[in-house]
Amino acid sequence: MAQIAEIAVADAPAPTLPRRIILARGWTRRAIAFFAGATGALALAPFDVIPAMFVPLTVAVWLIDGAADDESEKRLARALILSAAGAGWWLGFGYFVAGLWWMGAAMLVEADQFAWALPLAVFGLPAVLALFSAAGFAAARILWSRGGLRVFALAAGLGAAEWMRGHLFTGFPWNDFGMALAGAGPLAQTASLVGLHGLDIIAIVIFAAPATLVDRAPDGARRISGTLLAATVLALLMLAYGAVRLGANPTQYVDGVTLRLMQPNLPQDAKFRPENGENILRRYLALSERATNERPLGLAGVTHLIWPESAFPYIISQKPQALAAIARALNGSVLLTGAARAEGYGDGRRGRIFNSIEALRGETIVAFYDKIHLVPFGEYLPLDQWLRPLGINQLVPGIWDRGAGPRLLAAPGLPPIAPLICYEAIFSGEAVEPGAERPRLFLNVTNDGWFGLTTGPYQHMAQARLRAIEEGLPMIRVANTGVSAIIDPYGRILQSLPLGEEGVIDGRLPKEAAPTVFAAYGAWAFPALLALATALALIGVAGRRPSPPAGSAPSFLRV
């Protein structure tokens, strides 16, 4: 195998970092992949060290170079693909461990029941997610060539794998590689054209392109590859587009709407205990009525008060005293709040229980939305008929039902709302129902208190912000522990409360932007970019060696 790798770095004058990575074998190769992947997590919120993403994706090219084939050694294509897949798994494992370690915090909220699952959350889930990275590397290896176009093979293979990760088995598009551009200022505006999964392919090309700096031309000279030049030009065009889009579109506001967002910072271990219900409501009302420099009279003049997900440890519609207390405090304002909602409940019947957003005017619930995309192992238990007898339960007590809609929430005094409860904000292209009436704002209520003062809530906020940019809609985000914010349709954070603090945000409702390219044609963005990357990779494959004799197998299958 060492002879195989030598082909990719022939005539190198001395051991270099790329050469060492390409020639690495065994646990050295695995460690390089793991730590390169872990470094990439620094490009994500809250760190947003964007250049950190160059490390895993540049190293990815050299790792796959290390699985290069050569006719002088009769190696099965399967072994070559497995070599690339192994490197992809270790790189993905490092990336997801470093980026998702905070999920272990949820296992410690009720440690007596779930502490045993801590290793599964910190290491088990990343191990499963890394299978997608392994598949992406394997697909890239099939399209691999020795020139700069091999970067597009990586973009096609790994980009397709990221799309599958976001859709298969209900999907988990958390910390896609494209999220490195989501916190990159004007560069994030490209999401209005191609969405998150389009950003995945673009990000892979940009961050992997420096790997071609070590390539040699046929005459042995080192030259700047066309791929690197193209990636640089692409990044500059994205930067210019974002700067122009932001500069030409100042934030505008809806007349007659005054918002107050309440972030209670309620400890998660107290939140779902019914005996705490009265104290929780008292705390919410006191905080909601708090005087601030901007509003010294508290709720006076506020048209809409918004509380976070799962605000009550009971079903509010069945608590007339609580509804009356809320109505007295609101004094004509409308409350939008996360709440459990029941249908067919009572007289010994369990009925159906939904994780919902409810709009209250006075003592009446005038509108609601039921969560559609439930969290696996959080709000429902996959394969429960086998797992529940083993004593395994979901984190949130009870059995939650999936809502059937409506997708839009009609709240008094507000334009049509696209409601997003917690987890629902991470799904690109699903936040607005295709073909339905276009909403004019997003409302995202969430409870990230499960994850404490970790990086998780910041990552969640970054993904919600990207939905605003994709669709050209403002985002009102209210979280139990943070980060709560008012975001305009270009992703500008107008006001926010940091993680782990209680308080209120007083602000106005931004107007929506014109429908974005992604809003109109988002279904085509990812397939078009994937097809382009695949076509460029195939051009590289066609030119990597003379055509084989007629009737022979493709080069990556010949032995």
Protein backbone atom coordinates (compact mmCIF):
# COMPACT_ATOMS: atom_id res chain seq x y z
CA MET A 1 0.00 0.00 0.00
CA ALA A 2 2.90 2.34 0.62
CA GLN A 3 3.88 1.95 -3.03
CA ILE A 4 0.36 2.92 -4.03
CA ALA A 5 0.47 6.13 -2.02
CA GLU A 6 3.91 7.00 -3.38
CA ILE A 7 2.35 7.62 -6.79
CA ALA A 8 0.36 10.59 -5.45
CA VAL A 9 3.46 12.34 -4.09
CA ALA A 10 6.07 11.26 -6.56
CA ASP A 11 9.30 13.27 -6.65
CA ALA A 12 8.49 15.08 -3.39
CA PRO A 13 11.86 16.42 -2.17
CA ALA A 14 11.38 15.69 1.50
CA PRO A 15 8.76 14.45 3.95
CA THR A 16 5.99 17.04 4.16
CA LEU A 17 2.77 17.19 6.14
CA PRO A 18 0.61 16.17 3.15
CA ARG A 19 3.01 13.34 2.34
CA ARG A 20 2.95 12.10 5.93
CA ILE A 21 -0.86 12.12 5.93
CA ILE A 22 -1.07 10.31 2.60
CA LEU A 23 1.42 7.64 3.68
CA ALA A 24 -0.02 7.23 7.20
CA ARG A 25 -1.31 3.78 8.06
CA GLY A 26 -3.01 2.02 10.95
CA TRP A 27 -3.76 3.94 14.09
CA THR A 28 -1.69 6.90 12.94
CA ARG A 29 -4.04 7.33 9.99
CA ARG A 30 -7.08 6.94 12.23
CA ALA A 31 -5.78 9.47 14.75
CA ILE A 32 -5.05 12.01 12.01
CA ALA A 33 -8.60 11.61 10.69
CA PHE A 34 -10.16 11.85 14.17
CA PHE A 35 -8.32 14.99 15.27
CA ALA A 36 -8.75 16.67 11.89
CA GLY A 37 -12.48 16.11 12.20
CA ALA A 38 -12.55 17.39 15.77
CA THR A 39 -10.74 20.56 14.71
CA GLY A 40 -13.53 21.28 12.23
CA ALA A 41 -16.02 21.71 15.10
CA LEU A 42 -14.28 25.01 15.93
CA ALA A 43 -15.81 26.46 12.76
CA LEU A 44 -19.29 26.04 14.29
CA ALA A 45 -21.17 28.23 16.76
CA PRO A 46 -20.35 29.60 19.25
CA PHE A 47 -16.67 29.69 18.21
CA ASP A 48 -17.15 30.49 14.51
CA VAL A 49 -13.44 30.06 13.76
CA ILE A 50 -14.24 29.66 10.08
CA PRO A 51 -10.69 28.74 8.89
CA ALA A 52 -10.82 25.68 11.17
CA MET A 53 -12.95 23.93 8.55
CA PHE A 54 -9.97 23.93 6.18
CA VAL A 55 -8.36 21.29 8.40
CA PRO A 56 -10.83 18.37 8.10
CA LEU A 57 -11.72 18.93 4.46
CA THR A 58 -8.16 19.49 3.23
CA VAL A 59 -7.00 16.47 5.21
CA ALA A 60 -9.91 14.51 3.76
CA VAL A 61 -8.45 14.92 0.27
CA TRP A 62 -5.06 13.62 1.39
CA LEU A 63 -6.61 10.72 3.28
CA ILE A 64 -8.45 9.61 0.15
CA ASP A 65 -5.24 10.15 -1.83
CA GLY A 66 -3.76 7.58 0.53
CA ALA A 67 -6.30 5.08 -0.79
CA ALA A 68 -5.22 5.71 -4.42
CA ASP A 69 -4.95 2.81 -6.81
CA ASP A 70 -2.14 1.81 -9.14
CA GLU A 71 -2.03 -0.90 -11.77
CA SER A 72 1.33 -2.07 -10.46
CA GLU A 73 -0.48 -3.56 -7.46
CA LYS A 74 -3.48 -5.80 -8.01
CA ARG A 75 -5.80 -4.46 -5.34
CA LEU A 76 -9.51 -5.03 -5.33
CA ALA A 77 -11.63 -1.93 -5.74
CA ARG A 78 -13.54 -2.97 -2.65
CA ALA A 79 -10.41 -2.73 -0.51
CA LEU A 80 -9.65 0.75 -1.86
CA ILE A 81 -13.18 1.97 -1.19
CA LEU A 82 -13.13 0.47 2.31
CA SER A 83 -9.86 2.26 3.01
CA ALA A 84 -11.44 5.58 2.07
CA ALA A 85 -14.60 4.73 4.04
CA GLY A 86 -12.55 3.94 7.13
CA ALA A 87 -10.84 7.32 6.96
CA GLY A 88 -14.23 8.96 6.49
CA TRP A 89 -15.65 7.23 9.52
CA TRP A 90 -12.83 8.32 11.79
CA LEU A 91 -12.93 11.90 10.52
CA GLY A 92 -16.71 12.02 10.96
CA PHE A 93 -16.45 10.45 14.40
CA GLY A 94 -14.03 13.14 15.55
CA TYR A 95 -16.17 15.88 14.03
CA PHE A 96 -19.37 14.70 15.70
CA VAL A 97 -17.83 13.92 19.08
CA ALA A 98 -16.37 17.44 19.23
CA GLY A 99 -19.52 19.05 17.84
CA LEU A 100 -22.20 17.06 19.68
CA TRP A 101 -20.64 16.17 23.05
CA TRP A 102 -23.17 18.48 24.72
CA MET A 103 -25.94 15.93 24.12
CA GLY A 104 -24.58 14.08 27.10
CA ALA A 105 -25.82 16.92 29.31
CA ALA A 106 -29.42 15.84 28.69
CA MET A 107 -28.65 12.46 30.27
CA LEU A 108 -27.71 14.18 33.53
CA VAL A 109 -30.95 16.17 34.00
CA GLU A 110 -32.52 13.04 35.51
CA ALA A 111 -29.29 11.23 36.18
CA ASP A 112 -30.94 8.50 38.24
CA GLN A 113 -32.79 7.33 35.12
CA PHE A 114 -30.53 8.26 32.21
CA ALA A 115 -26.90 8.60 33.36
CA TRP A 116 -26.23 5.11 31.99
CA ALA A 117 -26.91 6.51 28.49
CA LEU A 118 -24.23 9.23 28.74
CA PRO A 119 -21.61 7.27 26.72
CA LEU A 120 -24.24 6.50 24.07
CA ALA A 121 -25.03 10.19 23.66
CA VAL A 122 -21.41 11.36 23.61
CA PHE A 123 -19.88 8.53 21.58
CA GLY A 124 -22.66 6.25 20.32
CA LEU A 125 -24.58 8.84 18.31
CA PRO A 126 -21.39 10.23 16.69
CA ALA A 127 -20.38 6.67 15.79
CA VAL A 128 -23.67 6.21 13.94
CA LEU A 129 -23.56 9.62 12.26
CA ALA A 130 -19.99 8.93 11.11
CA LEU A 131 -21.37 6.14 8.92
CA PHE A 132 -22.66 8.87 6.62
CA SER A 133 -19.18 10.40 6.40
CA ALA A 134 -17.80 6.95 5.65
CA ALA A 135 -20.32 6.53 2.84
CA GLY A 136 -19.41 9.97 1.49
CA PHE A 137 -15.69 9.14 1.39
CA ALA A 138 -16.43 5.80 -0.28
CA ALA A 139 -18.52 7.49 -2.98
CA ALA A 140 -15.81 10.11 -3.47
CA ARG A 141 -13.19 7.36 -3.89
CA ILE A 142 -15.17 5.87 -6.76
CA LEU A 143 -15.01 9.25 -8.53
CA TRP A 144 -11.40 9.95 -7.51
CA SER A 145 -8.69 11.24 -9.83
CA ARG A 146 -5.19 12.69 -9.34
CA GLY A 147 -5.87 16.27 -10.43
CA GLY A 148 -7.61 19.21 -8.83
CA LEU A 149 -11.01 17.94 -9.94
CA ARG A 150 -10.87 15.28 -7.23
CA VAL A 151 -12.07 18.02 -4.86
CA PHE A 152 -15.40 17.86 -6.69
CA ALA A 153 -15.48 14.10 -6.12
CA LEU A 154 -15.29 14.82 -2.40
CA ALA A 155 -17.98 17.49 -2.71
CA ALA A 156 -20.29 15.11 -4.58
CA GLY A 157 -19.76 12.13 -2.28
CA LEU A 158 -19.73 13.93 1.05
CA GLY A 159 -22.41 16.42 -0.02
CA ALA A 160 -24.75 13.57 -0.94
CA ALA A 161 -24.00 11.89 2.38
CA GLU A 162 -24.88 15.07 4.28
CA TRP A 163 -28.18 15.28 2.40
CA MET A 164 -28.95 11.67 3.35
CA ARG A 165 -28.08 12.37 6.97
CA GLY A 166 -30.64 15.16 6.90
CA HIS A 167 -33.42 12.99 5.46
CA LEU A 168 -33.04 9.29 6.28
CA PHE A 169 -34.66 7.86 9.43
CA THR A 170 -36.50 11.17 10.05
CA GLY A 171 -33.25 13.09 9.46
CA PHE A 172 -30.64 14.75 11.67
CA PRO A 173 -29.10 17.68 9.74
CA TRP A 174 -27.21 19.05 12.74
CA ASN A 175 -23.77 20.59 12.15
CA ASP A 176 -23.65 19.98 8.41
CA PHE A 177 -20.31 21.05 6.93
CA GLY A 178 -22.12 23.96 5.29
CA MET A 179 -22.84 25.40 8.75
CA ALA A 180 -19.24 26.65 8.74
CA LEU A 181 -20.46 29.34 6.33
CA ALA A 182 -23.59 30.11 8.36
CA GLY A 183 -21.60 32.20 10.84
CA ALA A 184 -19.32 33.73 8.20
CA GLY A 185 -20.98 37.14 7.86
CA PRO A 186 -21.93 37.98 4.25
CA LEU A 187 -20.99 34.47 3.08
CA ALA A 188 -24.09 33.12 4.84
CA GLN A 189 -26.33 35.06 2.44
CA THR A 190 -25.68 32.42 -0.23
CA ALA A 191 -28.16 30.28 1.71
CA SER A 192 -30.88 32.49 0.19
CA LEU A 193 -29.91 30.96 -3.16
CA VAL A 194 -29.07 27.33 -2.41
CA GLY A 195 -30.10 26.52 1.18
CA LEU A 196 -28.15 24.48 3.71
CA HIS A 197 -27.51 21.42 1.54
CA GLY A 198 -26.30 23.58 -1.32
CA LEU A 199 -23.97 25.29 1.16
CA ASP A 200 -22.64 21.82 2.05
CA ILE A 201 -21.33 21.25 -1.48
CA ILE A 202 -19.97 24.80 -1.79
CA ALA A 203 -18.26 24.62 1.61
CA ILE A 204 -16.62 21.28 0.80
CA VAL A 205 -15.19 22.68 -2.44
CA ILE A 206 -13.90 25.88 -0.80
CA PHE A 207 -12.41 24.24 2.29
CA ALA A 208 -10.92 21.24 0.46
CA ALA A 209 -9.38 23.20 -2.42
CA PRO A 210 -6.09 24.07 -0.57
CA ALA A 211 -5.21 20.36 -0.71
CA THR A 212 -4.36 20.89 -4.39
CA LEU A 213 -1.51 23.28 -3.51
CA VAL A 214 0.83 20.30 -3.20
CA ASP A 215 -0.11 18.85 -6.59
CA ARG A 216 2.47 18.79 -9.35
CA ALA A 217 1.96 19.53 -13.02
CA PRO A 218 3.10 16.92 -15.60
CA ASP A 219 6.42 18.74 -15.96
CA GLY A 220 7.02 18.40 -12.22
CA ALA A 221 6.46 22.07 -11.38
CA ARG A 222 4.12 23.12 -8.62
CA ARG A 223 1.32 25.33 -9.88
CA ILE A 224 -1.84 26.85 -8.48
CA SER A 225 -4.60 24.49 -9.58
CA GLY A 226 -7.65 25.69 -11.46
CA THR A 227 -9.79 24.20 -8.69
CA LEU A 228 -8.15 26.41 -6.05
CA LEU A 229 -8.53 29.48 -8.25
CA ALA A 230 -12.18 28.63 -8.92
CA ALA A 231 -12.85 28.10 -5.20
CA THR A 232 -11.22 31.45 -4.39
CA VAL A 233 -13.27 33.26 -7.02
CA LEU A 234 -16.42 31.53 -5.76
CA ALA A 235 -15.74 32.66 -2.17
CA LEU A 236 -15.14 36.24 -3.34
CA LEU A 237 -18.37 36.25 -5.36
CA MET A 238 -20.27 34.94 -2.35
CA LEU A 239 -18.72 37.64 -0.19
CA ALA A 240 -19.68 40.34 -2.70
CA TYR A 241 -23.22 39.00 -3.07
CA GLY A 242 -23.71 38.91 0.69
CA ALA A 243 -22.32 42.42 1.20
CA VAL A 244 -24.56 43.85 -1.53
CA ARG A 245 -27.65 42.00 -0.26
CA LEU A 246 -27.14 43.20 3.29
CA GLY A 247 -26.23 46.75 2.28
CA ALA A 248 -29.19 47.18 -0.05
CA ASN A 249 -31.79 45.87 2.38
CA PRO A 250 -32.01 47.66 5.74
CA THR A 251 -34.38 46.20 8.29
CA GLN A 252 -37.97 47.37 8.00
CA TYR A 253 -40.71 46.86 10.58
CA VAL A 254 -44.39 45.95 10.75
CA ASP A 255 -46.54 48.78 12.06
CA GLY A 256 -48.69 48.26 15.11
CA VAL A 257 -46.86 45.24 16.55
CA THR A 258 -44.87 45.52 19.78
CA LEU A 259 -43.23 42.34 21.03
CA ARG A 260 -42.00 41.17 24.41
CA LEU A 261 -40.05 37.92 24.55
CA MET A 262 -39.71 36.28 27.97
CA GLN A 263 -36.71 34.05 28.75
CA PRO A 264 -37.23 32.53 32.23
CA ASN A 265 -34.00 30.49 32.52
CA LEU A 266 -35.92 27.84 34.44
CA PRO A 267 -33.87 24.85 35.67
CA GLN A 268 -34.78 21.83 33.59
CA ASP A 269 -35.09 19.48 36.55
CA ALA A 270 -37.96 21.61 37.92
CA LYS A 271 -39.77 22.27 34.67
CA PHE A 272 -41.87 19.12 34.32
CA ARG A 273 -42.95 18.67 37.93
CA PRO A 274 -46.68 19.39 38.30
CA GLU A 275 -46.26 20.42 41.95
CA ASN A 276 -44.18 23.36 40.74
CA GLY A 277 -46.89 24.60 38.37
CA GLU A 278 -48.15 27.48 40.52
CA ASN A 279 -44.66 28.80 41.27
CA ILE A 280 -43.64 28.51 37.63
CA LEU A 281 -46.64 30.53 36.46
CA ARG A 282 -46.01 33.15 39.13
CA ARG A 283 -42.41 33.45 37.97
CA TYR A 284 -43.43 33.77 34.32
CA LEU A 285 -45.94 36.51 35.07
CA ALA A 286 -43.56 38.48 37.29
CA LEU A 287 -40.81 38.35 34.69
CA SER A 288 -43.22 39.21 31.87
CA GLU A 289 -44.38 42.31 33.75
CA ARG A 290 -40.84 43.44 34.61
CA ALA A 291 -40.10 47.10 34.01
CA THR A 292 -37.15 47.90 31.76
CA ASN A 293 -35.49 51.09 30.60
CA GLU A 294 -37.27 50.72 27.28
CA ARG A 295 -40.61 49.86 28.89
CA PRO A 296 -40.78 51.27 32.41
CA LEU A 297 -44.46 50.25 32.65
CA GLY A 298 -43.76 46.61 31.89
CA LEU A 299 -46.43 45.03 29.70
CA ALA A 300 -48.22 48.30 29.03
CA GLY A 301 -48.19 48.91 25.29
CA VAL A 302 -47.04 45.36 24.43
CA THR A 303 -49.29 43.79 21.78
CA HIS A 304 -47.77 40.29 21.85
CA LEU A 305 -46.04 38.45 24.68
CA ILE A 306 -44.17 35.25 23.80
CA TRP A 307 -43.13 32.44 26.15
CA PRO A 308 -40.88 29.43 25.33
CA GLU A 309 -41.63 25.79 24.55
CA SER A 310 -43.38 23.57 27.11
CA ALA A 311 -43.98 26.49 29.41
CA PHE A 312 -46.21 24.62 31.87
CA PRO A 313 -45.94 21.26 33.66
CA TYR A 314 -49.68 20.77 33.08
CA ILE A 315 -52.31 21.24 30.36
CA ILE A 316 -53.13 24.93 30.55
CA SER A 317 -56.56 24.56 28.93
CA GLN A 318 -57.65 22.49 31.94
CA LYS A 319 -56.51 25.11 34.48
CA PRO A 320 -59.13 27.92 34.54
CA GLN A 321 -57.39 29.63 37.46
CA ALA A 322 -54.16 29.82 35.48
CA LEU A 323 -55.97 31.14 32.40
CA ALA A 324 -57.64 33.81 34.51
CA ALA A 325 -54.32 34.89 36.06
CA ILE A 326 -52.75 35.15 32.60
CA ALA A 327 -55.69 37.18 31.27
CA ARG A 328 -55.44 39.66 34.15
CA ALA A 329 -51.73 40.14 33.53
CA LEU A 330 -52.05 40.48 29.75
CA ASN A 331 -54.76 43.15 30.00
CA GLY A 332 -55.62 42.88 26.31
CA SER A 333 -52.30 41.63 24.96
CA VAL A 334 -52.01 38.32 23.08
CA LEU A 335 -49.87 35.54 24.54
CA LEU A 336 -48.10 33.02 22.31
CA THR A 337 -46.72 30.18 24.39
CA GLY A 338 -45.43 26.67 24.18
CA ALA A 339 -47.78 24.27 25.95
CA ALA A 340 -49.00 20.70 26.08
CA ARG A 341 -52.34 20.39 24.31
CA ALA A 342 -54.83 17.57 24.77
CA GLU A 343 -57.62 16.14 22.64
CA GLY A 344 -60.15 13.63 23.95
CA TYR A 345 -58.68 13.88 27.44
CA GLY A 346 -60.67 13.21 30.62
CA ASP A 347 -63.25 10.79 32.03
CA GLY A 348 -60.53 8.19 32.35
CA ARG A 349 -59.38 8.62 28.77
CA ARG A 350 -55.83 9.52 27.95
CA GLY A 351 -56.73 11.02 24.60
CA ARG A 352 -53.94 12.55 22.52
CA ILE A 353 -51.21 14.85 23.82
CA PHE A 354 -49.35 17.30 21.58
CA ASN A 355 -46.35 19.55 22.02
CA SER A 356 -47.93 22.79 20.84
CA ILE A 357 -47.87 26.54 20.47
CA GLU A 358 -51.08 28.16 21.71
CA ALA A 359 -52.29 31.72 21.20
CA LEU A 360 -54.29 33.13 24.13
CA ARG A 361 -56.47 36.22 24.10
CA GLY A 362 -58.05 36.80 27.47
CA GLU A 363 -58.92 33.38 28.88
CA THR A 364 -59.49 31.82 25.48
CA ILE A 365 -57.11 29.75 23.37
CA VAL A 366 -57.82 31.22 19.95
CA ALA A 367 -55.26 29.34 17.79
CA PHE A 368 -52.79 26.51 18.09
CA TYR A 369 -50.15 24.54 16.21
CA ASP A 370 -49.08 20.98 17.06
CA LYS A 371 -45.49 19.88 16.60
CA ILE A 372 -45.02 17.63 13.58
CA HIS A 373 -41.35 16.60 13.73
CA LEU A 374 -40.86 14.90 17.08
CA VAL A 375 -37.40 14.24 18.51
CA PRO A 376 -36.36 10.57 18.46
CA PHE A 377 -35.57 9.30 22.00
CA GLY A 378 -36.61 12.73 23.30
CA GLU A 379 -40.33 12.90 22.57
CA TYR A 380 -40.92 9.43 21.22
CA LEU A 381 -39.15 6.11 21.42
CA PRO A 382 -38.29 4.39 18.13
CA LEU A 383 -38.84 0.63 18.22
CA ASP A 384 -40.62 1.12 21.51
CA GLN A 385 -42.17 -2.36 21.47
CA TRP A 386 -38.66 -3.77 21.88
CA LEU A 387 -36.90 -1.02 23.84
CA ARG A 388 -39.54 -0.17 26.45
CA PRO A 389 -39.57 -3.68 27.98
CA LEU A 390 -35.82 -3.22 28.52
CA GLY A 391 -36.51 -0.18 30.69
CA ILE A 392 -35.54 2.35 28.02
CA ASN A 393 -37.78 5.44 27.78
CA GLN A 394 -37.68 8.80 26.03
CA LEU A 395 -36.36 11.83 27.91
CA VAL A 396 -39.59 13.83 27.97
CA PRO A 397 -42.16 12.07 30.17
CA GLY A 398 -45.38 10.83 28.61
CA ILE A 399 -46.33 9.73 25.13
CA TRP A 400 -46.47 12.56 22.61
CA ASP A 401 -48.52 12.52 19.45
CA ARG A 402 -47.48 13.92 16.09
CA GLY A 403 -49.48 16.91 14.93
CA ALA A 404 -51.26 16.98 11.59
CA GLY A 405 -51.08 20.74 11.09
CA PRO A 406 -52.00 23.35 10.25
CA ARG A 407 -48.61 24.49 9.13
CA LEU A 408 -49.50 28.16 9.59
CA LEU A 409 -50.54 29.71 12.88
CA ALA A 410 -53.11 32.51 12.75
CA ALA A 411 -52.58 34.66 15.84
CA PRO A 412 -54.62 37.83 16.39
CA GLY A 413 -52.78 40.96 15.31
CA LEU A 414 -49.93 39.13 13.56
CA PRO A 415 -49.34 38.19 9.93
CA PRO A 416 -49.38 34.46 9.02
CA ILE A 417 -46.82 32.58 11.12
CA ALA A 418 -44.71 29.54 10.24
CA PRO A 419 -44.38 27.93 13.69
CA LEU A 420 -41.27 25.92 14.54
CA ILE A 421 -41.12 24.08 17.84
CA CYS A 422 -37.54 23.38 18.94
CA TYR A 423 -36.11 20.64 16.70
CA GLU A 424 -38.25 21.68 13.72
CA ALA A 425 -36.00 24.69 13.09
CA ILE A 426 -33.06 22.58 11.89
CA PHE A 427 -34.69 21.21 8.71
CA SER A 428 -33.81 23.19 5.62
CA GLY A 429 -36.59 23.40 3.04
CA GLU A 430 -39.21 22.07 5.46
CA ALA A 431 -39.83 25.21 7.50
CA VAL A 432 -42.29 26.47 4.88
CA GLU A 433 -44.78 24.07 3.33
CA PRO A 434 -44.26 23.95 -0.47
CA GLY A 435 -47.17 25.30 -2.46
CA ALA A 436 -48.99 26.65 0.59
CA GLU A 437 -49.64 30.26 1.51
CA ARG A 438 -46.37 32.04 2.16
CA PRO A 439 -45.94 32.97 5.84
CA ARG A 440 -44.56 36.33 6.84
CA LEU A 441 -42.55 35.31 9.88
CA PHE A 442 -41.10 32.36 11.75
CA LEU A 443 -41.91 31.75 15.40
CA ASN A 444 -39.46 29.36 17.03
CA VAL A 445 -40.15 28.40 20.65
CA THR A 446 -37.68 26.01 22.20
CA ASN A 447 -36.35 24.59 25.42
CA ASP A 448 -32.61 24.05 25.25
CA GLY A 449 -32.42 23.80 29.03
CA TRP A 450 -31.74 20.08 28.61
CA PHE A 451 -28.22 20.95 27.43
CA GLY A 452 -27.12 23.44 30.08
CA LEU A 453 -24.41 26.02 29.42
CA THR A 454 -22.87 24.15 26.49
CA THR A 455 -22.32 24.82 22.80
CA GLY A 456 -25.57 23.07 21.81
CA PRO A 457 -27.97 26.01 22.28
CA TYR A 458 -25.68 28.27 20.23
CA GLN A 459 -25.62 25.73 17.40
CA HIS A 460 -29.42 25.52 17.54
CA MET A 461 -29.64 29.30 17.31
CA ALA A 462 -27.30 29.34 14.29
CA GLN A 463 -29.52 26.86 12.45
CA ALA A 464 -32.68 28.84 13.22
CA ARG A 465 -30.97 31.98 11.92
CA LEU A 466 -30.09 30.20 8.68
CA ARG A 467 -33.79 29.38 8.12
CA ALA A 468 -34.50 33.12 8.17
CA ILE A 469 -31.85 33.74 5.50
CA GLU A 470 -33.00 30.83 3.35
CA GLU A 471 -36.63 31.89 3.22
CA GLY A 472 -36.34 35.66 3.60
CA LEU A 473 -38.53 35.66 6.71
CA PRO A 474 -37.93 37.26 10.12
CA MET A 475 -37.45 34.89 13.03
CA ILE A 476 -38.81 35.43 16.53
CA ARG A 477 -37.03 32.93 18.75
CA VAL A 478 -37.89 32.39 22.42
CA ALA A 479 -35.91 29.86 24.46
CA ASN A 480 -36.25 28.79 28.07
CA THR A 481 -32.56 29.26 28.87
CA GLY A 482 -31.45 31.05 25.69
CA VAL A 483 -30.55 32.05 23.13
CA SER A 484 -33.70 34.18 22.53
CA ALA A 485 -33.58 36.70 19.72
CA ILE A 486 -35.33 38.84 17.13
CA ILE A 487 -33.77 38.15 13.73
CA ASP A 488 -34.56 40.02 10.52
CA PRO A 489 -35.14 38.22 7.17
CA TYR A 490 -31.47 38.64 6.24
CA GLY A 491 -30.23 36.89 9.38
CA ARG A 492 -29.24 40.03 11.27
CA ILE A 493 -29.67 39.52 15.01
CA LEU A 494 -31.41 42.70 16.10
CA GLN A 495 -31.77 41.88 19.79
CA SER A 496 -30.91 38.85 21.87
CA LEU A 497 -30.55 37.46 25.37
CA PRO A 498 -27.49 35.33 26.12
CA LEU A 499 -27.54 31.74 27.28
CA GLY A 500 -28.25 31.15 30.94
CA GLU A 501 -29.84 34.51 31.82
CA GLU A 502 -33.41 35.43 32.64
CA GLY A 503 -34.91 38.54 31.15
CA VAL A 504 -37.11 40.04 28.48
CA ILE A 505 -36.57 41.43 25.01
CA ASP A 506 -38.71 44.34 23.88
CA GLY A 507 -38.74 44.95 20.17
CA ARG A 508 -40.62 45.40 16.95
CA LEU A 509 -41.51 42.80 14.35
CA PRO A 510 -39.31 42.98 11.22
CA LYS A 511 -41.02 42.82 7.84
CA GLU A 512 -40.42 39.90 5.55
CA ALA A 513 -38.18 40.18 2.49
CA ALA A 514 -39.19 39.33 -1.05
CA PRO A 515 -39.29 35.54 -1.64
CA THR A 516 -35.73 34.27 -2.05
CA VAL A 517 -34.45 32.12 -4.89
CA PHE A 518 -34.31 29.23 -2.43
CA ALA A 519 -37.91 29.87 -1.34
CA ALA A 520 -39.02 29.66 -4.99
CA TYR A 521 -36.72 26.97 -6.37
CA GLY A 522 -35.16 25.34 -3.32
CA ALA A 523 -36.09 21.83 -4.41
CA TRP A 524 -33.73 22.18 -7.39
CA ALA A 525 -30.74 23.80 -5.69
CA PHE A 526 -29.09 20.75 -4.17
CA PRO A 527 -29.66 18.35 -7.12
CA ALA A 528 -28.25 20.94 -9.53
CA LEU A 529 -25.09 21.50 -7.47
CA LEU A 530 -24.67 17.77 -6.86
CA ALA A 531 -24.96 17.08 -10.59
CA LEU A 532 -22.40 19.79 -11.37
CA ALA A 533 -19.91 18.45 -8.81
CA THR A 534 -20.40 14.89 -10.08
CA ALA A 535 -19.91 15.96 -13.70
CA LEU A 536 -16.65 17.76 -12.88
CA ALA A 537 -15.45 14.74 -10.91
CA LEU A 538 -16.23 12.47 -13.87
CA ILE A 539 -14.22 14.75 -16.14
CA GLY A 540 -11.30 14.17 -13.81
CA VAL A 541 -11.89 10.42 -13.90
CA ALA A 542 -11.96 10.41 -17.71
CA GLY A 543 -8.64 12.21 -17.89
CA ARG A 544 -6.75 10.40 -15.13
CA ARG A 545 -5.22 7.73 -17.45
CA PRO A 546 -5.59 6.47 -21.01
CA SER A 547 -8.91 4.83 -21.75
CA PRO A 548 -8.93 1.07 -21.06
CA PRO A 549 -9.44 -1.38 -23.90
CA ALA A 550 -12.97 -1.74 -25.16
CA GLY A 551 -15.00 -4.06 -23.00
CA SER A 552 -12.78 -3.78 -19.92
CA ALA A 553 -14.03 -2.64 -16.54
CA PRO A 554 -13.75 0.98 -15.37
CA SER A 555 -10.41 1.82 -13.77
CA PHE A 556 -11.75 1.79 -10.24
CA LEU A 557 -13.05 -1.76 -10.70
CA ARG A 558 -10.08 -3.29 -12.52
CA VAL A 559 -7.77 -5.56 -10.51
